[in-house]
Amino acid sequence: DDTVKTMPRADPKPNLMPIFARLDELTRGLPK
């Protein structure tokens, strides 16, 4: 959320892919 909020004024634009990858990995690690 914090990173997305910086995007309108960021140059270069931040790479969100590492955050999405981390979220996917953490989600896979949640217990049943």
Full PDB file with SEQRES, HELIX, SHEET, SSBOND, CRYST1, ORIGX, SCALE, CONECT and MASTER records, all heavy atoms in Angstrom:
SEQRES   1 A   32  ASP ASP THR VAL LYS THR MET PRO ARG ALA ASP PRO LYS          
SEQRES   2 A   32  PRO ASN LEU MET PRO ILE PHE ALA ARG LEU ASP GLU LEU          
SEQRES   3 A   32  THR ARG GLY LEU PRO LYS                                      
HELIX    1 AA1 ASP A    2  THR A    6  1                                   5    
HELIX    2 AA2 MET A    7  ARG A    9  5                                   3    
HELIX    3 AA3 MET A   17  ARG A   28  1                                  12    
CRYST1    1.000    1.000    1.000  90.00  90.00  90.00 P 1           1          
ORIGX1      1.000000  0.000000  0.000000        0.00000                         
ORIGX2      0.000000  1.000000  0.000000        0.00000                         
ORIGX3      0.000000  0.000000  1.000000        0.00000                         
SCALE1      1.000000  0.000000  0.000000        0.00000                         
SCALE2      0.000000  1.000000  0.000000        0.00000                         
SCALE3      0.000000  0.000000  1.000000        0.00000                         
ATOM      1  N   ASP A   1       0.828  -1.205   0.000  1.00  0.00           N  
ATOM      2  CA  ASP A   1       0.000   0.000   0.000  1.00  0.00           C  
ATOM      3  C   ASP A   1       0.865   1.258   0.000  1.00  0.00           C  
ATOM      4  O   ASP A   1       0.617   2.187  -0.777  1.00  0.00           O  
ATOM      5  CB  ASP A   1      -0.928  -0.017   1.215  1.00  0.00           C  
ATOM      6  CG  ASP A   1      -1.936   1.108   1.187  1.00  0.00           C  
ATOM      7  OD1 ASP A   1      -2.607   1.302   0.164  1.00  0.00           O  
ATOM      8  OD2 ASP A   1      -2.045   1.816   2.216  1.00  0.00           O  
ATOM      9  N   ASP A   2       1.881   1.285   0.856  1.00  0.00           N  
ATOM     10  CA  ASP A   2       2.766   2.446   0.913  1.00  0.00           C  
ATOM     11  C   ASP A   2       3.494   2.662  -0.409  1.00  0.00           C  
ATOM     12  O   ASP A   2       3.647   3.802  -0.869  1.00  0.00           O  
ATOM     13  CB  ASP A   2       3.791   2.292   2.045  1.00  0.00           C  
ATOM     14  CG  ASP A   2       3.171   2.378   3.433  1.00  0.00           C  
ATOM     15  OD1 ASP A   2       2.014   2.849   3.554  1.00  0.00           O  
ATOM     16  OD2 ASP A   2       3.837   1.964   4.401  1.00  0.00           O  
ATOM     17  N   THR A   3       3.940   1.586  -1.026  1.00  0.00           N  
ATOM     18  CA  THR A   3       4.665   1.679  -2.295  1.00  0.00           C  
ATOM     19  C   THR A   3       3.745   2.169  -3.412  1.00  0.00           C  
ATOM     20  O   THR A   3       4.133   3.027  -4.213  1.00  0.00           O  
ATOM     21  CB  THR A   3       5.283   0.316  -2.658  1.00  0.00           C  
ATOM     22  OG1 THR A   3       6.119  -0.119  -1.582  1.00  0.00           O  
ATOM     23  CG2 THR A   3       6.110   0.417  -3.926  1.00  0.00           C  
ATOM     24  N   VAL A   4       2.534   1.645  -3.463  1.00  0.00           N  
ATOM     25  CA  VAL A   4       1.579   2.068  -4.498  1.00  0.00           C  
ATOM     26  C   VAL A   4       1.284   3.560  -4.361  1.00  0.00           C  
ATOM     27  O   VAL A   4       1.165   4.272  -5.366  1.00  0.00           O  
ATOM     28  CB  VAL A   4       0.289   1.219  -4.421  1.00  0.00           C  
ATOM     29  CG1 VAL A   4      -0.823   1.841  -5.237  1.00  0.00           C  
ATOM     30  CG2 VAL A   4       0.573  -0.202  -4.882  1.00  0.00           C  
ATOM     31  N   LYS A   5       1.203   4.050  -3.146  1.00  0.00           N  
ATOM     32  CA  LYS A   5       0.908   5.472  -2.924  1.00  0.00           C  
ATOM     33  C   LYS A   5       2.022   6.385  -3.449  1.00  0.00           C  
ATOM     34  O   LYS A   5       1.769   7.547  -3.751  1.00  0.00           O  
ATOM     35  CB  LYS A   5       0.667   5.743  -1.443  1.00  0.00           C  
ATOM     36  CG  LYS A   5      -0.661   5.220  -0.965  1.00  0.00           C  
ATOM     37  CD  LYS A   5      -0.832   5.427   0.524  1.00  0.00           C  
ATOM     38  CE  LYS A   5      -2.165   4.868   0.994  1.00  0.00           C  
ATOM     39  NZ  LYS A   5      -2.291   4.866   2.454  1.00  0.00           N  
ATOM     40  N   THR A   6       3.234   5.868  -3.580  1.00  0.00           N  
ATOM     41  CA  THR A   6       4.353   6.680  -4.093  1.00  0.00           C  
ATOM     42  C   THR A   6       4.404   6.711  -5.615  1.00  0.00           C  
ATOM     43  O   THR A   6       5.115   7.534  -6.189  1.00  0.00           O  
ATOM     44  CB  THR A   6       5.714   6.161  -3.578  1.00  0.00           C  
ATOM     45  OG1 THR A   6       6.009   4.906  -4.191  1.00  0.00           O  
ATOM     46  CG2 THR A   6       5.757   6.050  -2.071  1.00  0.00           C  
ATOM     47  N   MET A   7       3.674   5.839  -6.263  1.00  0.00           N  
ATOM     48  CA  MET A   7       3.804   5.669  -7.715  1.00  0.00           C  
ATOM     49  C   MET A   7       3.519   6.926  -8.539  1.00  0.00           C  
ATOM     50  O   MET A   7       4.238   7.168  -9.511  1.00  0.00           O  
ATOM     51  CB  MET A   7       2.969   4.501  -8.191  1.00  0.00           C  
ATOM     52  CG  MET A   7       3.536   3.177  -7.698  1.00  0.00           C  
ATOM     53  SD  MET A   7       2.736   1.746  -8.374  1.00  0.00           S  
ATOM     54  CE  MET A   7       3.504   1.678  -9.984  1.00  0.00           C  
ATOM     55  N   PRO A   8       2.532   7.734  -8.195  1.00  0.00           N  
ATOM     56  CA  PRO A   8       2.270   8.901  -9.043  1.00  0.00           C  
ATOM     57  C   PRO A   8       3.468   9.854  -9.174  1.00  0.00           C  
ATOM     58  O   PRO A   8       3.633  10.502 -10.198  1.00  0.00           O  
ATOM     59  CB  PRO A   8       1.104   9.601  -8.349  1.00  0.00           C  
ATOM     60  CG  PRO A   8       0.423   8.539  -7.571  1.00  0.00           C  
ATOM     61  CD  PRO A   8       1.525   7.602  -7.137  1.00  0.00           C  
ATOM     62  N   ARG A   9       4.300   9.912  -8.162  1.00  0.00           N  
ATOM     63  CA  ARG A   9       5.422  10.847  -8.213  1.00  0.00           C  
ATOM     64  C   ARG A   9       6.791  10.167  -8.325  1.00  0.00           C  
ATOM     65  O   ARG A   9       7.815  10.833  -8.397  1.00  0.00           O  
ATOM     66  CB  ARG A   9       5.379  11.770  -6.996  1.00  0.00           C  
ATOM     67  CG  ARG A   9       5.552  11.075  -5.672  1.00  0.00           C  
ATOM     68  CD  ARG A   9       5.338  12.018  -4.483  1.00  0.00           C  
ATOM     69  NE  ARG A   9       5.511  11.336  -3.230  1.00  0.00           N  
ATOM     70  CZ  ARG A   9       4.639  10.517  -2.654  1.00  0.00           C  
ATOM     71  NH1 ARG A   9       3.507  10.255  -3.254  1.00  0.00           N  
ATOM     72  NH2 ARG A   9       4.896   9.956  -1.502  1.00  0.00           N  
ATOM     73  N   ALA A  10       6.793   8.837  -8.357  1.00  0.00           N  
ATOM     74  CA  ALA A  10       8.053   8.093  -8.405  1.00  0.00           C  
ATOM     75  C   ALA A  10       8.612   8.035  -9.823  1.00  0.00           C  
ATOM     76  O   ALA A  10       7.883   7.848 -10.781  1.00  0.00           O  
ATOM     77  CB  ALA A  10       7.851   6.684  -7.878  1.00  0.00           C  
ATOM     78  N   ASP A  11       9.917   8.216  -9.913  1.00  0.00           N  
ATOM     79  CA  ASP A  11      10.603   8.082 -11.189  1.00  0.00           C  
ATOM     80  C   ASP A  11      12.009   7.569 -10.913  1.00  0.00           C  
ATOM     81  O   ASP A  11      12.814   8.311 -10.363  1.00  0.00           O  
ATOM     82  CB  ASP A  11      10.650   9.413 -11.928  1.00  0.00           C  
ATOM     83  CG  ASP A  11      11.223   9.275 -13.333  1.00  0.00           C  
ATOM     84  OD1 ASP A  11      11.114   8.178 -13.904  1.00  0.00           O  
ATOM     85  OD2 ASP A  11      11.777  10.265 -13.826  1.00  0.00           O  
ATOM     86  N   PRO A  12      12.294   6.343 -11.196  1.00  0.00           N  
ATOM     87  CA  PRO A  12      11.488   5.365 -11.908  1.00  0.00           C  
ATOM     88  C   PRO A  12      10.402   4.777 -10.997  1.00  0.00           C  
ATOM     89  O   PRO A  12      10.466   4.887  -9.781  1.00  0.00           O  
ATOM     90  CB  PRO A  12      12.496   4.287 -12.308  1.00  0.00           C  
ATOM     91  CG  PRO A  12      13.519   4.333 -11.235  1.00  0.00           C  
ATOM     92  CD  PRO A  12      13.610   5.800 -10.842  1.00  0.00           C  
ATOM     93  N   LYS A  13       9.421   4.154 -11.621  1.00  0.00           N  
ATOM     94  CA  LYS A  13       8.330   3.523 -10.889  1.00  0.00           C  
ATOM     95  C   LYS A  13       8.870   2.331 -10.105  1.00  0.00           C  
ATOM     96  O   LYS A  13       9.730   1.589 -10.590  1.00  0.00           O  
ATOM     97  CB  LYS A  13       7.217   3.047 -11.837  1.00  0.00           C  
ATOM     98  CG  LYS A  13       6.594   4.161 -12.660  1.00  0.00           C  
ATOM     99  CD  LYS A  13       5.837   5.130 -11.788  1.00  0.00           C  
ATOM    100  CE  LYS A  13       5.140   6.182 -12.624  1.00  0.00           C  
ATOM    101  NZ  LYS A  13       4.902   7.415 -11.930  1.00  0.00           N  
ATOM    102  N   PRO A  14       8.368   2.127  -8.887  1.00  0.00           N  
ATOM    103  CA  PRO A  14       8.837   0.984  -8.101  1.00  0.00           C  
ATOM    104  C   PRO A  14       8.376  -0.344  -8.705  1.00  0.00           C  
ATOM    105  O   PRO A  14       7.337  -0.412  -9.357  1.00  0.00           O  
ATOM    106  CB  PRO A  14       8.196   1.214  -6.730  1.00  0.00           C  
ATOM    107  CG  PRO A  14       7.053   2.119  -6.958  1.00  0.00           C  
ATOM    108  CD  PRO A  14       7.386   2.937  -8.183  1.00  0.00           C  
ATOM    109  N   ASN A  15       9.169  -1.353  -8.485  1.00  0.00           N  
ATOM    110  CA  ASN A  15       8.854  -2.696  -8.959  1.00  0.00           C  
ATOM    111  C   ASN A  15       8.029  -3.397  -7.875  1.00  0.00           C  
ATOM    112  O   ASN A  15       8.539  -3.693  -6.794  1.00  0.00           O  
ATOM    113  CB  ASN A  15      10.143  -3.465  -9.245  1.00  0.00           C  
ATOM    114  CG  ASN A  15       9.890  -4.851  -9.773  1.00  0.00           C  
ATOM    115  OD1 ASN A  15       8.750  -5.254  -9.989  1.00  0.00           O  
ATOM    116  ND2 ASN A  15      10.955  -5.600  -9.976  1.00  0.00           N  
ATOM    117  N   LEU A  16       6.782  -3.663  -8.161  1.00  0.00           N  
ATOM    118  CA  LEU A  16       5.892  -4.301  -7.188  1.00  0.00           C  
ATOM    119  C   LEU A  16       6.003  -5.822  -7.195  1.00  0.00           C  
ATOM    120  O   LEU A  16       5.514  -6.490  -6.278  1.00  0.00           O  
ATOM    121  CB  LEU A  16       4.440  -3.899  -7.463  1.00  0.00           C  
ATOM    122  CG  LEU A  16       4.131  -2.404  -7.400  1.00  0.00           C  
ATOM    123  CD1 LEU A  16       2.675  -2.157  -7.770  1.00  0.00           C  
ATOM    124  CD2 LEU A  16       4.434  -1.835  -6.032  1.00  0.00           C  
ATOM    125  N   MET A  17       6.635  -6.379  -8.209  1.00  0.00           N  
ATOM    126  CA  MET A  17       6.695  -7.839  -8.355  1.00  0.00           C  
ATOM    127  C   MET A  17       7.314  -8.539  -7.143  1.00  0.00           C  
ATOM    128  O   MET A  17       6.797  -9.584  -6.728  1.00  0.00           O  
ATOM    129  CB  MET A  17       7.414  -8.224  -9.639  1.00  0.00           C  
ATOM    130  CG  MET A  17       6.654  -7.811 -10.907  1.00  0.00           C  
ATOM    131  SD  MET A  17       4.893  -8.265 -10.926  1.00  0.00           S  
ATOM    132  CE  MET A  17       5.038 -10.035 -11.001  1.00  0.00           C  
ATOM    133  N   PRO A  18       8.377  -8.027  -6.534  1.00  0.00           N  
ATOM    134  CA  PRO A  18       8.910  -8.715  -5.351  1.00  0.00           C  
ATOM    135  C   PRO A  18       7.920  -8.757  -4.188  1.00  0.00           C  
ATOM    136  O   PRO A  18       7.868  -9.748  -3.462  1.00  0.00           O  
ATOM    137  CB  PRO A  18      10.152  -7.895  -4.990  1.00  0.00           C  
ATOM    138  CG  PRO A  18      10.550  -7.216  -6.250  1.00  0.00           C  
ATOM    139  CD  PRO A  18       9.259  -6.944  -6.971  1.00  0.00           C  
ATOM    140  N   ILE A  19       7.117  -7.722  -4.040  1.00  0.00           N  
ATOM    141  CA  ILE A  19       6.125  -7.715  -2.966  1.00  0.00           C  
ATOM    142  C   ILE A  19       5.041  -8.741  -3.273  1.00  0.00           C  
ATOM    143  O   ILE A  19       4.634  -9.513  -2.393  1.00  0.00           O  
ATOM    144  CB  ILE A  19       5.519  -6.309  -2.772  1.00  0.00           C  
ATOM    145  CG1 ILE A  19       6.615  -5.289  -2.448  1.00  0.00           C  
ATOM    146  CG2 ILE A  19       4.466  -6.330  -1.664  1.00  0.00           C  
ATOM    147  CD1 ILE A  19       6.143  -3.843  -2.421  1.00  0.00           C  
ATOM    148  N   PHE A  20       4.576  -8.781  -4.527  1.00  0.00           N  
ATOM    149  CA  PHE A  20       3.572  -9.776  -4.907  1.00  0.00           C  
ATOM    150  C   PHE A  20       4.116 -11.191  -4.728  1.00  0.00           C  
ATOM    151  O   PHE A  20       3.402 -12.087  -4.245  1.00  0.00           O  
ATOM    152  CB  PHE A  20       3.115  -9.576  -6.349  1.00  0.00           C  
ATOM    153  CG  PHE A  20       2.310  -8.328  -6.571  1.00  0.00           C  
ATOM    154  CD1 PHE A  20       2.572  -7.506  -7.648  1.00  0.00           C  
ATOM    155  CD2 PHE A  20       1.280  -7.970  -5.710  1.00  0.00           C  
ATOM    156  CE1 PHE A  20       1.825  -6.356  -7.873  1.00  0.00           C  
ATOM    157  CE2 PHE A  20       0.528  -6.819  -5.924  1.00  0.00           C  
ATOM    158  CZ  PHE A  20       0.803  -6.012  -7.007  1.00  0.00           C  
ATOM    159  N   ALA A  21       5.365 -11.416  -5.083  1.00  0.00           N  
ATOM    160  CA  ALA A  21       5.980 -12.743  -4.936  1.00  0.00           C  
ATOM    161  C   ALA A  21       6.062 -13.130  -3.459  1.00  0.00           C  
ATOM    162  O   ALA A  21       5.788 -14.287  -3.096  1.00  0.00           O  
ATOM    163  CB  ALA A  21       7.361 -12.764  -5.581  1.00  0.00           C  
ATOM    164  N   ARG A  22       6.435 -12.174  -2.609  1.00  0.00           N  
ATOM    165  CA  ARG A  22       6.512 -12.444  -1.172  1.00  0.00           C  
ATOM    166  C   ARG A  22       5.125 -12.780  -0.622  1.00  0.00           C  
ATOM    167  O   ARG A  22       4.966 -13.716   0.172  1.00  0.00           O  
ATOM    168  CB  ARG A  22       7.103 -11.248  -0.427  1.00  0.00           C  
ATOM    169  CG  ARG A  22       7.318 -11.514   1.044  1.00  0.00           C  
ATOM    170  CD  ARG A  22       8.007 -10.381   1.813  1.00  0.00           C  
ATOM    171  NE  ARG A  22       8.754  -9.463   1.002  1.00  0.00           N  
ATOM    172  CZ  ARG A  22       8.455  -8.163   0.855  1.00  0.00           C  
ATOM    173  NH1 ARG A  22       7.439  -7.625   1.478  1.00  0.00           N  
ATOM    174  NH2 ARG A  22       9.199  -7.385   0.104  1.00  0.00           N  
ATOM    175  N   LEU A  23       4.103 -12.030  -1.046  1.00  0.00           N  
ATOM    176  CA  LEU A  23       2.744 -12.306  -0.583  1.00  0.00           C  
ATOM    177  C   LEU A  23       2.294 -13.701  -1.022  1.00  0.00           C  
ATOM    178  O   LEU A  23       1.681 -14.433  -0.236  1.00  0.00           O  
ATOM    179  CB  LEU A  23       1.779 -11.240  -1.098  1.00  0.00           C  
ATOM    180  CG  LEU A  23       1.831  -9.917  -0.353  1.00  0.00           C  
ATOM    181  CD1 LEU A  23       1.122  -8.815  -1.146  1.00  0.00           C  
ATOM    182  CD2 LEU A  23       1.222 -10.059   1.034  1.00  0.00           C  
ATOM    183  N   ASP A  24       2.607 -14.077  -2.247  1.00  0.00           N  
ATOM    184  CA  ASP A  24       2.258 -15.419  -2.730  1.00  0.00           C  
ATOM    185  C   ASP A  24       2.950 -16.491  -1.892  1.00  0.00           C  
ATOM    186  O   ASP A  24       2.337 -17.487  -1.492  1.00  0.00           O  
ATOM    187  CB  ASP A  24       2.634 -15.588  -4.202  1.00  0.00           C  
ATOM    188  CG  ASP A  24       1.721 -14.826  -5.144  1.00  0.00           C  
ATOM    189  OD1 ASP A  24       0.612 -14.429  -4.724  1.00  0.00           O  
ATOM    190  OD2 ASP A  24       2.123 -14.623  -6.306  1.00  0.00           O  
ATOM    191  N   GLU A  25       4.235 -16.284  -1.614  1.00  0.00           N  
ATOM    192  CA  GLU A  25       4.999 -17.257  -0.821  1.00  0.00           C  
ATOM    193  C   GLU A  25       4.449 -17.359   0.600  1.00  0.00           C  
ATOM    194  O   GLU A  25       4.260 -18.457   1.130  1.00  0.00           O  
ATOM    195  CB  GLU A  25       6.474 -16.853  -0.792  1.00  0.00           C  
ATOM    196  CG  GLU A  25       7.334 -17.808   0.002  1.00  0.00           C  
ATOM    197  CD  GLU A  25       8.800 -17.383   0.030  1.00  0.00           C  
ATOM    198  OE1 GLU A  25       9.230 -16.624  -0.850  1.00  0.00           O  
ATOM    199  OE2 GLU A  25       9.486 -17.824   0.963  1.00  0.00           O  
ATOM    200  N   LEU A  26       4.177 -16.211   1.215  1.00  0.00           N  
ATOM    201  CA  LEU A  26       3.635 -16.220   2.575  1.00  0.00           C  
ATOM    202  C   LEU A  26       2.253 -16.870   2.612  1.00  0.00           C  
ATOM    203  O   LEU A  26       1.930 -17.610   3.549  1.00  0.00           O  
ATOM    204  CB  LEU A  26       3.572 -14.794   3.131  1.00  0.00           C  
ATOM    205  CG  LEU A  26       4.910 -14.137   3.458  1.00  0.00           C  
ATOM    206  CD1 LEU A  26       4.732 -12.638   3.693  1.00  0.00           C  
ATOM    207  CD2 LEU A  26       5.547 -14.805   4.674  1.00  0.00           C  
ATOM    208  N   THR A  27       1.454 -16.619   1.597  1.00  0.00           N  
ATOM    209  CA  THR A  27       0.119 -17.216   1.530  1.00  0.00           C  
ATOM    210  C   THR A  27       0.216 -18.738   1.421  1.00  0.00           C  
ATOM    211  O   THR A  27      -0.520 -19.457   2.102  1.00  0.00           O  
ATOM    212  CB  THR A  27      -0.674 -16.630   0.344  1.00  0.00           C  
ATOM    213  OG1 THR A  27      -0.834 -15.221   0.546  1.00  0.00           O  
ATOM    214  CG2 THR A  27      -2.039 -17.276   0.212  1.00  0.00           C  
ATOM    215  N   ARG A  28       1.138 -19.213   0.598  1.00  0.00           N  
ATOM    216  CA  ARG A  28       1.324 -20.670   0.458  1.00  0.00           C  
ATOM    217  C   ARG A  28       1.754 -21.306   1.774  1.00  0.00           C  
ATOM    218  O   ARG A  28       1.474 -22.473   2.021  1.00  0.00           O  
ATOM    219  CB  ARG A  28       2.351 -20.992  -0.628  1.00  0.00           C  
ATOM    220  CG  ARG A  28       1.831 -20.856  -2.032  1.00  0.00           C  
ATOM    221  CD  ARG A  28       2.794 -21.437  -3.059  1.00  0.00           C  
ATOM    222  NE  ARG A  28       4.079 -20.779  -3.076  1.00  0.00           N  
ATOM    223  CZ  ARG A  28       4.371 -19.665  -3.766  1.00  0.00           C  
ATOM    224  NH1 ARG A  28       3.434 -19.103  -4.503  1.00  0.00           N  
ATOM    225  NH2 ARG A  28       5.567 -19.138  -3.723  1.00  0.00           N  
ATOM    226  N   GLY A  29       2.414 -20.531   2.634  1.00  0.00           N  
ATOM    227  CA  GLY A  29       2.913 -21.059   3.899  1.00  0.00           C  
ATOM    228  C   GLY A  29       1.909 -21.032   5.045  1.00  0.00           C  
ATOM    229  O   GLY A  29       2.213 -21.486   6.142  1.00  0.00           O  
ATOM    230  N   LEU A  30       0.711 -20.529   4.783  1.00  0.00           N  
ATOM    231  CA  LEU A  30      -0.298 -20.494   5.845  1.00  0.00           C  
ATOM    232  C   LEU A  30      -0.772 -21.910   6.164  1.00  0.00           C  
ATOM    233  O   LEU A  30      -0.919 -22.742   5.261  1.00  0.00           O  
ATOM    234  CB  LEU A  30      -1.490 -19.634   5.422  1.00  0.00           C  
ATOM    235  CG  LEU A  30      -1.254 -18.126   5.438  1.00  0.00           C  
ATOM    236  CD1 LEU A  30      -2.406 -17.401   4.741  1.00  0.00           C  
ATOM    237  CD2 LEU A  30      -1.086 -17.613   6.865  1.00  0.00           C  
ATOM    238  N   PRO A  31      -1.059 -22.183   7.427  1.00  0.00           N  
ATOM    239  CA  PRO A  31      -1.547 -23.519   7.778  1.00  0.00           C  
ATOM    240  C   PRO A  31      -2.952 -23.779   7.227  1.00  0.00           C  
ATOM    241  O   PRO A  31      -3.688 -22.840   6.919  1.00  0.00           O  
ATOM    242  CB  PRO A  31      -1.558 -23.505   9.313  1.00  0.00           C  
ATOM    243  CG  PRO A  31      -1.515 -22.079   9.713  1.00  0.00           C  
ATOM    244  CD  PRO A  31      -0.890 -21.314   8.583  1.00  0.00           C  
ATOM    245  N   LYS A  32      -3.305 -25.036   7.129  1.00  0.00           N  
ATOM    246  CA  LYS A  32      -4.600 -25.436   6.566  1.00  0.00           C  
ATOM    247  C   LYS A  32      -5.773 -24.916   7.391  1.00  0.00           C  
ATOM    248  O   LYS A  32      -6.864 -24.737   6.861  1.00  0.00           O  
ATOM    249  CB  LYS A  32      -4.675 -26.954   6.465  1.00  0.00           C  
ATOM    250  CG  LYS A  32      -3.609 -27.557   5.582  1.00  0.00           C  
ATOM    251  CD  LYS A  32      -4.219 -28.138   4.347  1.00  0.00           C  
ATOM    252  CE  LYS A  32      -3.175 -28.868   3.535  1.00  0.00           C  
ATOM    253  NZ  LYS A  32      -2.727 -28.120   2.415  1.00  0.00           N  
TER     254      LYS A  32                                                      
MASTER        0    0    0    3    0    0    0    6  253    1    0    3          
END                                                                             
